[in-house]
Amino acid sequence: TMIGVEVPKTLLGLPWGRAQQIVGRGLSGREGVGALLAQF
């Protein structure tokens, strides 16, 4: 069970070349901004 999100790269507030470094990294939805995003 999951919630998928599709965001055009142009809508992000970081250059995609910078934001792309997140791909493959673990991000938690249990704390910090991740918890806020999961709650939203």
Full PDB file with SEQRES, HELIX, SHEET, SSBOND, CRYST1, ORIGX, SCALE, CONECT and MASTER records, all heavy atoms in Angstrom:
SEQRES   1 A   40  THR MET ILE GLY VAL GLU VAL PRO LYS THR LEU LEU GLY          
SEQRES   2 A   40  LEU PRO TRP GLY ARG ALA GLN GLN ILE VAL GLY ARG GLY          
SEQRES   3 A   40  LEU SER GLY ARG GLU GLY VAL GLY ALA LEU LEU ALA GLN          
SEQRES   4 A   40  PHE                                                          
HELIX    1 AA1 LYS A    9  LEU A   11  5                                   3    
HELIX    2 AA2 TRP A   16  ALA A   19  1                                   4    
HELIX    3 AA3 GLN A   20  ILE A   22  5                                   3    
HELIX    4 AA4 GLY A   32  GLN A   39  1                                   8    
CRYST1    1.000    1.000    1.000  90.00  90.00  90.00 P 1           1          
ORIGX1      1.000000  0.000000  0.000000        0.00000                         
ORIGX2      0.000000  1.000000  0.000000        0.00000                         
ORIGX3      0.000000  0.000000  1.000000        0.00000                         
SCALE1      1.000000  0.000000  0.000000        0.00000                         
SCALE2      0.000000  1.000000  0.000000        0.00000                         
SCALE3      0.000000  0.000000  1.000000        0.00000                         
ATOM      1  N   THR A   1       0.867  -1.171   0.000  1.00  0.00           N  
ATOM      2  CA  THR A   1       0.000   0.000   0.000  1.00  0.00           C  
ATOM      3  C   THR A   1       0.904   1.222   0.000  1.00  0.00           C  
ATOM      4  O   THR A   1       1.837   1.306   0.810  1.00  0.00           O  
ATOM      5  CB  THR A   1      -0.912   0.019   1.238  1.00  0.00           C  
ATOM      6  OG1 THR A   1      -1.691  -1.175   1.274  1.00  0.00           O  
ATOM      7  CG2 THR A   1      -1.841   1.232   1.202  1.00  0.00           C  
ATOM      8  N   MET A   2       0.642   2.153  -0.892  1.00  0.00           N  
ATOM      9  CA  MET A   2       1.529   3.304  -1.022  1.00  0.00           C  
ATOM     10  C   MET A   2       0.771   4.517  -1.542  1.00  0.00           C  
ATOM     11  O   MET A   2      -0.391   4.418  -1.943  1.00  0.00           O  
ATOM     12  CB  MET A   2       2.694   2.977  -1.974  1.00  0.00           C  
ATOM     13  CG  MET A   2       2.287   2.437  -3.334  1.00  0.00           C  
ATOM     14  SD  MET A   2       1.690   3.669  -4.526  1.00  0.00           S  
ATOM     15  CE  MET A   2       3.237   4.480  -4.931  1.00  0.00           C  
ATOM     16  N   ILE A   3       1.436   5.669  -1.480  1.00  0.00           N  
ATOM     17  CA  ILE A   3       0.919   6.894  -2.088  1.00  0.00           C  
ATOM     18  C   ILE A   3       1.990   7.401  -3.044  1.00  0.00           C  
ATOM     19  O   ILE A   3       3.101   7.736  -2.622  1.00  0.00           O  
ATOM     20  CB  ILE A   3       0.592   7.971  -1.040  1.00  0.00           C  
ATOM     21  CG1 ILE A   3      -0.439   7.452  -0.031  1.00  0.00           C  
ATOM     22  CG2 ILE A   3       0.067   9.238  -1.730  1.00  0.00           C  
ATOM     23  CD1 ILE A   3      -0.722   8.419   1.105  1.00  0.00           C  
ATOM     24  N   GLY A   4       1.674   7.415  -4.324  1.00  0.00           N  
ATOM     25  CA  GLY A   4       2.603   7.906  -5.325  1.00  0.00           C  
ATOM     26  C   GLY A   4       2.377   9.387  -5.584  1.00  0.00           C  
ATOM     27  O   GLY A   4       1.253   9.887  -5.481  1.00  0.00           O  
ATOM     28  N   VAL A   5       3.450  10.089  -5.923  1.00  0.00           N  
ATOM     29  CA  VAL A   5       3.385  11.521  -6.210  1.00  0.00           C  
ATOM     30  C   VAL A   5       4.192  11.794  -7.471  1.00  0.00           C  
ATOM     31  O   VAL A   5       5.348  11.376  -7.575  1.00  0.00           O  
ATOM     32  CB  VAL A   5       3.966  12.370  -5.056  1.00  0.00           C  
ATOM     33  CG1 VAL A   5       3.787  13.858  -5.352  1.00  0.00           C  
ATOM     34  CG2 VAL A   5       3.324  12.008  -3.727  1.00  0.00           C  
ATOM     35  N   GLU A   6       3.578  12.488  -8.425  1.00  0.00           N  
ATOM     36  CA  GLU A   6       4.261  12.892  -9.647  1.00  0.00           C  
ATOM     37  C   GLU A   6       4.389  14.417  -9.663  1.00  0.00           C  
ATOM     38  O   GLU A   6       3.376  15.124  -9.695  1.00  0.00           O  
ATOM     39  CB  GLU A   6       3.480  12.443 -10.885  1.00  0.00           C  
ATOM     40  CG  GLU A   6       3.099  10.977 -10.914  1.00  0.00           C  
ATOM     41  CD  GLU A   6       4.292  10.043 -10.988  1.00  0.00           C  
ATOM     42  OE1 GLU A   6       5.350  10.476 -11.513  1.00  0.00           O  
ATOM     43  OE2 GLU A   6       4.181   8.907 -10.516  1.00  0.00           O  
ATOM     44  N   VAL A   7       5.614  14.908  -9.589  1.00  0.00           N  
ATOM     45  CA  VAL A   7       5.864  16.348  -9.576  1.00  0.00           C  
ATOM     46  C   VAL A   7       6.745  16.707 -10.778  1.00  0.00           C  
ATOM     47  O   VAL A   7       7.854  16.179 -10.900  1.00  0.00           O  
ATOM     48  CB  VAL A   7       6.578  16.791  -8.282  1.00  0.00           C  
ATOM     49  CG1 VAL A   7       6.771  18.308  -8.281  1.00  0.00           C  
ATOM     50  CG2 VAL A   7       5.794  16.355  -7.053  1.00  0.00           C  
ATOM     51  N   PRO A   8       6.279  17.575 -11.674  1.00  0.00           N  
ATOM     52  CA  PRO A   8       7.169  18.026 -12.754  1.00  0.00           C  
ATOM     53  C   PRO A   8       8.450  18.624 -12.173  1.00  0.00           C  
ATOM     54  O   PRO A   8       8.413  19.383 -11.198  1.00  0.00           O  
ATOM     55  CB  PRO A   8       6.328  19.086 -13.478  1.00  0.00           C  
ATOM     56  CG  PRO A   8       4.910  18.713 -13.177  1.00  0.00           C  
ATOM     57  CD  PRO A   8       4.925  18.165 -11.783  1.00  0.00           C  
ATOM     58  N   LYS A   9       9.577  18.287 -12.747  1.00  0.00           N  
ATOM     59  CA  LYS A   9      10.849  18.782 -12.213  1.00  0.00           C  
ATOM     60  C   LYS A   9      10.890  20.307 -12.176  1.00  0.00           C  
ATOM     61  O   LYS A   9      11.540  20.897 -11.313  1.00  0.00           O  
ATOM     62  CB  LYS A   9      11.999  18.239 -13.069  1.00  0.00           C  
ATOM     63  CG  LYS A   9      12.112  16.721 -13.066  1.00  0.00           C  
ATOM     64  CD  LYS A   9      13.159  16.251 -14.081  1.00  0.00           C  
ATOM     65  CE  LYS A   9      13.188  14.744 -14.200  1.00  0.00           C  
ATOM     66  NZ  LYS A   9      14.138  14.274 -15.225  1.00  0.00           N  
ATOM     67  N   THR A  10      10.181  20.942 -13.106  1.00  0.00           N  
ATOM     68  CA  THR A  10      10.210  22.400 -13.179  1.00  0.00           C  
ATOM     69  C   THR A  10       9.492  23.057 -12.003  1.00  0.00           C  
ATOM     70  O   THR A  10       9.669  24.252 -11.768  1.00  0.00           O  
ATOM     71  CB  THR A  10       9.559  22.880 -14.487  1.00  0.00           C  
ATOM     72  OG1 THR A  10       8.229  22.321 -14.590  1.00  0.00           O  
ATOM     73  CG2 THR A  10      10.383  22.462 -15.689  1.00  0.00           C  
ATOM     74  N   LEU A  11       8.677  22.299 -11.252  1.00  0.00           N  
ATOM     75  CA  LEU A  11       7.959  22.867 -10.113  1.00  0.00           C  
ATOM     76  C   LEU A  11       8.776  22.832  -8.830  1.00  0.00           C  
ATOM     77  O   LEU A  11       8.385  23.445  -7.827  1.00  0.00           O  
ATOM     78  CB  LEU A  11       6.635  22.127  -9.887  1.00  0.00           C  
ATOM     79  CG  LEU A  11       5.529  22.320 -10.925  1.00  0.00           C  
ATOM     80  CD1 LEU A  11       4.243  21.669 -10.443  1.00  0.00           C  
ATOM     81  CD2 LEU A  11       5.299  23.802 -11.209  1.00  0.00           C  
ATOM     82  N   LEU A  12       9.876  22.109  -8.826  1.00  0.00           N  
ATOM     83  CA  LEU A  12      10.703  22.028  -7.627  1.00  0.00           C  
ATOM     84  C   LEU A  12      11.484  23.324  -7.444  1.00  0.00           C  
ATOM     85  O   LEU A  12      11.896  23.968  -8.409  1.00  0.00           O  
ATOM     86  CB  LEU A  12      11.663  20.850  -7.715  1.00  0.00           C  
ATOM     87  CG  LEU A  12      11.012  19.459  -7.713  1.00  0.00           C  
ATOM     88  CD1 LEU A  12      12.073  18.386  -7.918  1.00  0.00           C  
ATOM     89  CD2 LEU A  12      10.254  19.215  -6.413  1.00  0.00           C  
ATOM     90  N   GLY A  13      11.698  23.674  -6.196  1.00  0.00           N  
ATOM     91  CA  GLY A  13      12.416  24.899  -5.888  1.00  0.00           C  
ATOM     92  C   GLY A  13      13.915  24.734  -5.834  1.00  0.00           C  
ATOM     93  O   GLY A  13      14.620  25.620  -5.341  1.00  0.00           O  
ATOM     94  N   LEU A  14      14.435  23.609  -6.327  1.00  0.00           N  
ATOM     95  CA  LEU A  14      15.876  23.370  -6.454  1.00  0.00           C  
ATOM     96  C   LEU A  14      16.169  23.006  -7.900  1.00  0.00           C  
ATOM     97  O   LEU A  14      15.349  22.348  -8.549  1.00  0.00           O  
ATOM     98  CB  LEU A  14      16.323  22.210  -5.555  1.00  0.00           C  
ATOM     99  CG  LEU A  14      16.389  22.440  -4.045  1.00  0.00           C  
ATOM    100  CD1 LEU A  14      16.646  21.117  -3.335  1.00  0.00           C  
ATOM    101  CD2 LEU A  14      17.476  23.444  -3.689  1.00  0.00           C  
ATOM    102  N   PRO A  15      17.332  23.388  -8.431  1.00  0.00           N  
ATOM    103  CA  PRO A  15      17.700  22.932  -9.779  1.00  0.00           C  
ATOM    104  C   PRO A  15      17.695  21.407  -9.812  1.00  0.00           C  
ATOM    105  O   PRO A  15      18.163  20.752  -8.872  1.00  0.00           O  
ATOM    106  CB  PRO A  15      19.116  23.496  -9.963  1.00  0.00           C  
ATOM    107  CG  PRO A  15      19.223  24.612  -8.996  1.00  0.00           C  
ATOM    108  CD  PRO A  15      18.374  24.230  -7.822  1.00  0.00           C  
ATOM    109  N   TRP A  16      17.163  20.838 -10.898  1.00  0.00           N  
ATOM    110  CA  TRP A  16      17.045  19.383 -10.935  1.00  0.00           C  
ATOM    111  C   TRP A  16      18.410  18.693 -10.853  1.00  0.00           C  
ATOM    112  O   TRP A  16      18.540  17.624 -10.259  1.00  0.00           O  
ATOM    113  CB  TRP A  16      16.293  18.920 -12.178  1.00  0.00           C  
ATOM    114  CG  TRP A  16      16.170  17.419 -12.188  1.00  0.00           C  
ATOM    115  CD1 TRP A  16      16.691  16.544 -13.079  1.00  0.00           C  
ATOM    116  CD2 TRP A  16      15.508  16.625 -11.199  1.00  0.00           C  
ATOM    117  NE1 TRP A  16      16.400  15.257 -12.726  1.00  0.00           N  
ATOM    118  CE2 TRP A  16      15.664  15.264 -11.570  1.00  0.00           C  
ATOM    119  CE3 TRP A  16      14.793  16.915 -10.031  1.00  0.00           C  
ATOM    120  CZ2 TRP A  16      15.146  14.214 -10.816  1.00  0.00           C  
ATOM    121  CZ3 TRP A  16      14.272  15.867  -9.283  1.00  0.00           C  
ATOM    122  CH2 TRP A  16      14.447  14.540  -9.681  1.00  0.00           C  
ATOM    123  N   GLY A  17      19.443  19.308 -11.388  1.00  0.00           N  
ATOM    124  CA  GLY A  17      20.764  18.717 -11.274  1.00  0.00           C  
ATOM    125  C   GLY A  17      21.191  18.526  -9.835  1.00  0.00           C  
ATOM    126  O   GLY A  17      21.933  17.599  -9.514  1.00  0.00           O  
ATOM    127  N   ARG A  18      20.704  19.405  -8.957  1.00  0.00           N  
ATOM    128  CA  ARG A  18      20.973  19.280  -7.510  1.00  0.00           C  
ATOM    129  C   ARG A  18      20.017  18.293  -6.872  1.00  0.00           C  
ATOM    130  O   ARG A  18      20.425  17.401  -6.134  1.00  0.00           O  
ATOM    131  CB  ARG A  18      20.818  20.660  -6.869  1.00  0.00           C  
ATOM    132  CG  ARG A  18      21.183  20.705  -5.397  1.00  0.00           C  
ATOM    133  CD  ARG A  18      22.666  20.865  -5.217  1.00  0.00           C  
ATOM    134  NE  ARG A  18      22.987  21.346  -3.891  1.00  0.00           N  
ATOM    135  CZ  ARG A  18      23.426  20.572  -2.904  1.00  0.00           C  
ATOM    136  NH1 ARG A  18      23.588  19.270  -3.096  1.00  0.00           N  
ATOM    137  NH2 ARG A  18      23.718  21.083  -1.725  1.00  0.00           N  
ATOM    138  N   ALA A  19      18.732  18.448  -7.152  1.00  0.00           N  
ATOM    139  CA  ALA A  19      17.721  17.586  -6.537  1.00  0.00           C  
ATOM    140  C   ALA A  19      17.882  16.129  -6.946  1.00  0.00           C  
ATOM    141  O   ALA A  19      17.554  15.207  -6.189  1.00  0.00           O  
ATOM    142  CB  ALA A  19      16.322  18.074  -6.910  1.00  0.00           C  
ATOM    143  N   GLN A  20      18.426  15.891  -8.139  1.00  0.00           N  
ATOM    144  CA  GLN A  20      18.570  14.533  -8.660  1.00  0.00           C  
ATOM    145  C   GLN A  20      19.467  13.664  -7.776  1.00  0.00           C  
ATOM    146  O   GLN A  20      19.387  12.436  -7.814  1.00  0.00           O  
ATOM    147  CB  GLN A  20      19.129  14.589 -10.074  1.00  0.00           C  
ATOM    148  CG  GLN A  20      19.106  13.258 -10.813  1.00  0.00           C  
ATOM    149  CD  GLN A  20      19.717  13.397 -12.201  1.00  0.00           C  
ATOM    150  OE1 GLN A  20      20.699  14.116 -12.386  1.00  0.00           O  
ATOM    151  NE2 GLN A  20      19.125  12.732 -13.171  1.00  0.00           N  
ATOM    152  N   GLN A  21      20.302  14.295  -6.955  1.00  0.00           N  
ATOM    153  CA  GLN A  21      21.184  13.542  -6.070  1.00  0.00           C  
ATOM    154  C   GLN A  21      20.410  12.748  -5.016  1.00  0.00           C  
ATOM    155  O   GLN A  21      20.972  11.875  -4.357  1.00  0.00           O  
ATOM    156  CB  GLN A  21      22.160  14.497  -5.374  1.00  0.00           C  
ATOM    157  CG  GLN A  21      23.075  15.250  -6.321  1.00  0.00           C  
ATOM    158  CD  GLN A  21      23.899  16.294  -5.606  1.00  0.00           C  
ATOM    159  OE1 GLN A  21      24.388  16.071  -4.498  1.00  0.00           O  
ATOM    160  NE2 GLN A  21      24.058  17.454  -6.219  1.00  0.00           N  
ATOM    161  N   ILE A  22      19.117  13.039  -4.867  1.00  0.00           N  
ATOM    162  CA  ILE A  22      18.274  12.326  -3.902  1.00  0.00           C  
ATOM    163  C   ILE A  22      17.920  10.931  -4.394  1.00  0.00           C  
ATOM    164  O   ILE A  22      17.667  10.017  -3.606  1.00  0.00           O  
ATOM    165  CB  ILE A  22      16.986  13.137  -3.647  1.00  0.00           C  
ATOM    166  CG1 ILE A  22      17.319  14.386  -2.833  1.00  0.00           C  
ATOM    167  CG2 ILE A  22      15.933  12.317  -2.941  1.00  0.00           C  
ATOM    168  CD1 ILE A  22      17.842  14.104  -1.440  1.00  0.00           C  
ATOM    169  N   VAL A  23      17.880  10.728  -5.711  1.00  0.00           N  
ATOM    170  CA  VAL A  23      17.479   9.430  -6.267  1.00  0.00           C  
ATOM    171  C   VAL A  23      18.379   8.338  -5.702  1.00  0.00           C  
ATOM    172  O   VAL A  23      19.603   8.430  -5.758  1.00  0.00           O  
ATOM    173  CB  VAL A  23      17.555   9.444  -7.809  1.00  0.00           C  
ATOM    174  CG1 VAL A  23      17.281   8.054  -8.377  1.00  0.00           C  
ATOM    175  CG2 VAL A  23      16.557  10.460  -8.384  1.00  0.00           C  
ATOM    176  N   GLY A  24      17.745   7.319  -5.149  1.00  0.00           N  
ATOM    177  CA  GLY A  24      18.492   6.201  -4.582  1.00  0.00           C  
ATOM    178  C   GLY A  24      18.830   6.341  -3.119  1.00  0.00           C  
ATOM    179  O   GLY A  24      19.334   5.400  -2.506  1.00  0.00           O  
ATOM    180  N   ARG A  25      18.518   7.506  -2.534  1.00  0.00           N  
ATOM    181  CA  ARG A  25      18.794   7.704  -1.112  1.00  0.00           C  
ATOM    182  C   ARG A  25      17.546   7.426  -0.290  1.00  0.00           C  
ATOM    183  O   ARG A  25      16.428   7.676  -0.714  1.00  0.00           O  
ATOM    184  CB  ARG A  25      19.281   9.133  -0.845  1.00  0.00           C  
ATOM    185  CG  ARG A  25      20.626   9.437  -1.463  1.00  0.00           C  
ATOM    186  CD  ARG A  25      21.068  10.854  -1.227  1.00  0.00           C  
ATOM    187  NE  ARG A  25      21.080  11.242   0.176  1.00  0.00           N  
ATOM    188  CZ  ARG A  25      21.599  12.384   0.623  1.00  0.00           C  
ATOM    189  NH1 ARG A  25      22.151  13.234  -0.232  1.00  0.00           N  
ATOM    190  NH2 ARG A  25      21.573  12.682   1.903  1.00  0.00           N  
ATOM    191  N   GLY A  26      17.743   6.913   0.910  1.00  0.00           N  
ATOM    192  CA  GLY A  26      16.614   6.651   1.796  1.00  0.00           C  
ATOM    193  C   GLY A  26      16.130   7.933   2.455  1.00  0.00           C  
ATOM    194  O   GLY A  26      16.918   8.715   2.983  1.00  0.00           O  
ATOM    195  N   LEU A  27      14.835   8.183   2.403  1.00  0.00           N  
ATOM    196  CA  LEU A  27      14.221   9.342   3.041  1.00  0.00           C  
ATOM    197  C   LEU A  27      13.116   8.852   3.956  1.00  0.00           C  
ATOM    198  O   LEU A  27      12.252   8.076   3.543  1.00  0.00           O  
ATOM    199  CB  LEU A  27      13.648  10.300   1.999  1.00  0.00           C  
ATOM    200  CG  LEU A  27      14.643  10.904   0.995  1.00  0.00           C  
ATOM    201  CD1 LEU A  27      13.896  11.710  -0.062  1.00  0.00           C  
ATOM    202  CD2 LEU A  27      15.657  11.774   1.711  1.00  0.00           C  
ATOM    203  N   SER A  28      13.114   9.303   5.195  1.00  0.00           N  
ATOM    204  CA  SER A  28      12.142   8.833   6.171  1.00  0.00           C  
ATOM    205  C   SER A  28      10.898   9.709   6.186  1.00  0.00           C  
ATOM    206  O   SER A  28      10.989  10.940   6.110  1.00  0.00           O  
ATOM    207  CB  SER A  28      12.773   8.815   7.569  1.00  0.00           C  
ATOM    208  OG  SER A  28      11.795   8.507   8.550  1.00  0.00           O  
ATOM    209  N   GLY A  29       9.745   9.060   6.317  1.00  0.00           N  
ATOM    210  CA  GLY A  29       8.493   9.772   6.512  1.00  0.00           C  
ATOM    211  C   GLY A  29       8.061   9.769   7.964  1.00  0.00           C  
ATOM    212  O   GLY A  29       6.902  10.031   8.278  1.00  0.00           O  
ATOM    213  N   ARG A  30       8.996   9.475   8.857  1.00  0.00           N  
ATOM    214  CA  ARG A  30       8.674   9.361  10.279  1.00  0.00           C  
ATOM    215  C   ARG A  30       9.158  10.541  11.107  1.00  0.00           C  
ATOM    216  O   ARG A  30       8.819  10.633  12.289  1.00  0.00           O  
ATOM    217  CB  ARG A  30       9.278   8.061  10.840  1.00  0.00           C  
ATOM    218  CG  ARG A  30       8.701   6.797  10.242  1.00  0.00           C  
ATOM    219  CD  ARG A  30       9.385   5.557  10.781  1.00  0.00           C  
ATOM    220  NE  ARG A  30      10.762   5.447  10.297  1.00  0.00           N  
ATOM    221  CZ  ARG A  30      11.106   4.942   9.110  1.00  0.00           C  
ATOM    222  NH1 ARG A  30      10.164   4.503   8.301  1.00  0.00           N  
ATOM    223  NH2 ARG A  30      12.366   4.876   8.739  1.00  0.00           N  
ATOM    224  N   GLU A  31       9.944  11.434  10.532  1.00  0.00           N  
ATOM    225  CA  GLU A  31      10.480  12.537  11.317  1.00  0.00           C  
ATOM    226  C   GLU A  31      10.769  13.730  10.415  1.00  0.00           C  
ATOM    227  O   GLU A  31      10.887  13.601   9.190  1.00  0.00           O  
ATOM    228  CB  GLU A  31      11.775  12.109  12.024  1.00  0.00           C  
ATOM    229  CG  GLU A  31      12.850  11.623  11.060  1.00  0.00           C  
ATOM    230  CD  GLU A  31      14.033  10.999  11.773  1.00  0.00           C  
ATOM    231  OE1 GLU A  31      13.916  10.740  12.981  1.00  0.00           O  
ATOM    232  OE2 GLU A  31      15.069  10.783  11.111  1.00  0.00           O  
ATOM    233  N   GLY A  32      10.894  14.905  11.031  1.00  0.00           N  
ATOM    234  CA  GLY A  32      11.262  16.106  10.303  1.00  0.00           C  
ATOM    235  C   GLY A  32      10.285  16.464   9.197  1.00  0.00           C  
ATOM    236  O   GLY A  32       9.076  16.238   9.286  1.00  0.00           O  
ATOM    237  N   VAL A  33      10.830  17.021   8.126  1.00  0.00           N  
ATOM    238  CA  VAL A  33       9.997  17.425   6.991  1.00  0.00           C  
ATOM    239  C   VAL A  33       9.350  16.204   6.347  1.00  0.00           C  
ATOM    240  O   VAL A  33       8.233  16.287   5.825  1.00  0.00           O  
ATOM    241  CB  VAL A  33      10.833  18.200   5.955  1.00  0.00           C  
ATOM    242  CG1 VAL A  33       9.978  18.596   4.749  1.00  0.00           C  
ATOM    243  CG2 VAL A  33      11.429  19.460   6.577  1.00  0.00           C  
ATOM    244  N   GLY A  34      10.017  15.045   6.400  1.00  0.00           N  
ATOM    245  CA  GLY A  34       9.429  13.826   5.852  1.00  0.00           C  
ATOM    246  C   GLY A  34       8.131  13.468   6.533  1.00  0.00           C  
ATOM    247  O   GLY A  34       7.159  13.059   5.881  1.00  0.00           O  
ATOM    248  N   ALA A  35       8.078  13.619   7.856  1.00  0.00           N  
ATOM    249  CA  ALA A  35       6.840  13.344   8.591  1.00  0.00           C  
ATOM    250  C   ALA A  35       5.757  14.341   8.216  1.00  0.00           C  
ATOM    251  O   ALA A  35       4.574  13.994   8.105  1.00  0.00           O  
ATOM    252  CB  ALA A  35       7.105  13.386  10.099  1.00  0.00           C  
ATOM    253  N   LEU A  36       6.155  15.598   8.007  1.00  0.00           N  
ATOM    254  CA  LEU A  36       5.193  16.622   7.601  1.00  0.00           C  
ATOM    255  C   LEU A  36       4.623  16.305   6.220  1.00  0.00           C  
ATOM    256  O   LEU A  36       3.415  16.419   5.985  1.00  0.00           O  
ATOM    257  CB  LEU A  36       5.885  17.981   7.599  1.00  0.00           C  
ATOM    258  CG  LEU A  36       5.002  19.222   7.498  1.00  0.00           C  
ATOM    259  CD1 LEU A  36       4.040  19.300   8.668  1.00  0.00           C  
ATOM    260  CD2 LEU A  36       5.871  20.472   7.450  1.00  0.00           C  
ATOM    261  N   LEU A  37       5.488  15.865   5.302  1.00  0.00           N  
ATOM    262  CA  LEU A  37       5.033  15.494   3.965  1.00  0.00           C  
ATOM    263  C   LEU A  37       4.129  14.270   4.016  1.00  0.00           C  
ATOM    264  O   LEU A  37       3.088  14.216   3.341  1.00  0.00           O  
ATOM    265  CB  LEU A  37       6.235  15.230   3.053  1.00  0.00           C  
ATOM    266  CG  LEU A  37       5.932  14.731   1.635  1.00  0.00           C  
ATOM    267  CD1 LEU A  37       5.011  15.691   0.896  1.00  0.00           C  
ATOM    268  CD2 LEU A  37       7.232  14.536   0.861  1.00  0.00           C  
ATOM    269  N   ALA A  38       4.501  13.271   4.823  1.00  0.00           N  
ATOM    270  CA  ALA A  38       3.665  12.070   4.950  1.00  0.00           C  
ATOM    271  C   ALA A  38       2.297  12.427   5.520  1.00  0.00           C  
ATOM    272  O   ALA A  38       1.259  11.919   5.060  1.00  0.00           O  
ATOM    273  CB  ALA A  38       4.362  11.040   5.837  1.00  0.00           C  
ATOM    274  N   GLN A  39       2.278  13.304   6.512  1.00  0.00           N  
ATOM    275  CA  GLN A  39       1.014  13.741   7.106  1.00  0.00           C  
ATOM    276  C   GLN A  39       0.152  14.461   6.076  1.00  0.00           C  
ATOM    277  O   GLN A  39      -1.068  14.250   5.999  1.00  0.00           O  
ATOM    278  CB  GLN A  39       1.305  14.661   8.293  1.00  0.00           C  
ATOM    279  CG  GLN A  39       0.057  15.157   9.024  1.00  0.00           C  
ATOM    280  CD  GLN A  39       0.419  16.129  10.131  1.00  0.00           C  
ATOM    281  OE1 GLN A  39       1.335  16.942  10.002  1.00  0.00           O  
ATOM    282  NE2 GLN A  39      -0.287  16.051  11.243  1.00  0.00           N  
ATOM    283  N   PHE A  40       0.781  15.309   5.270  1.00  0.00           N  
ATOM    284  CA  PHE A  40       0.042  16.033   4.235  1.00  0.00           C  
ATOM    285  C   PHE A  40      -0.549  15.057   3.221  1.00  0.00           C  
ATOM    286  O   PHE A  40      -1.724  15.183   2.837  1.00  0.00           O  
ATOM    287  CB  PHE A  40       0.974  17.021   3.538  1.00  0.00           C  
ATOM    288  CG  PHE A  40       0.314  17.793   2.424  1.00  0.00           C  
ATOM    289  CD1 PHE A  40      -0.388  18.953   2.691  1.00  0.00           C  
ATOM    290  CD2 PHE A  40       0.389  17.349   1.117  1.00  0.00           C  
ATOM    291  CE1 PHE A  40      -1.007  19.665   1.671  1.00  0.00           C  
ATOM    292  CE2 PHE A  40      -0.226  18.042   0.083  1.00  0.00           C  
ATOM    293  CZ  PHE A  40      -0.921  19.204   0.360  1.00  0.00           C  
TER     294      PHE A  40                                                      
MASTER        0    0    0    4    0    0    0    6  293    1    0    4          
END                                                                             
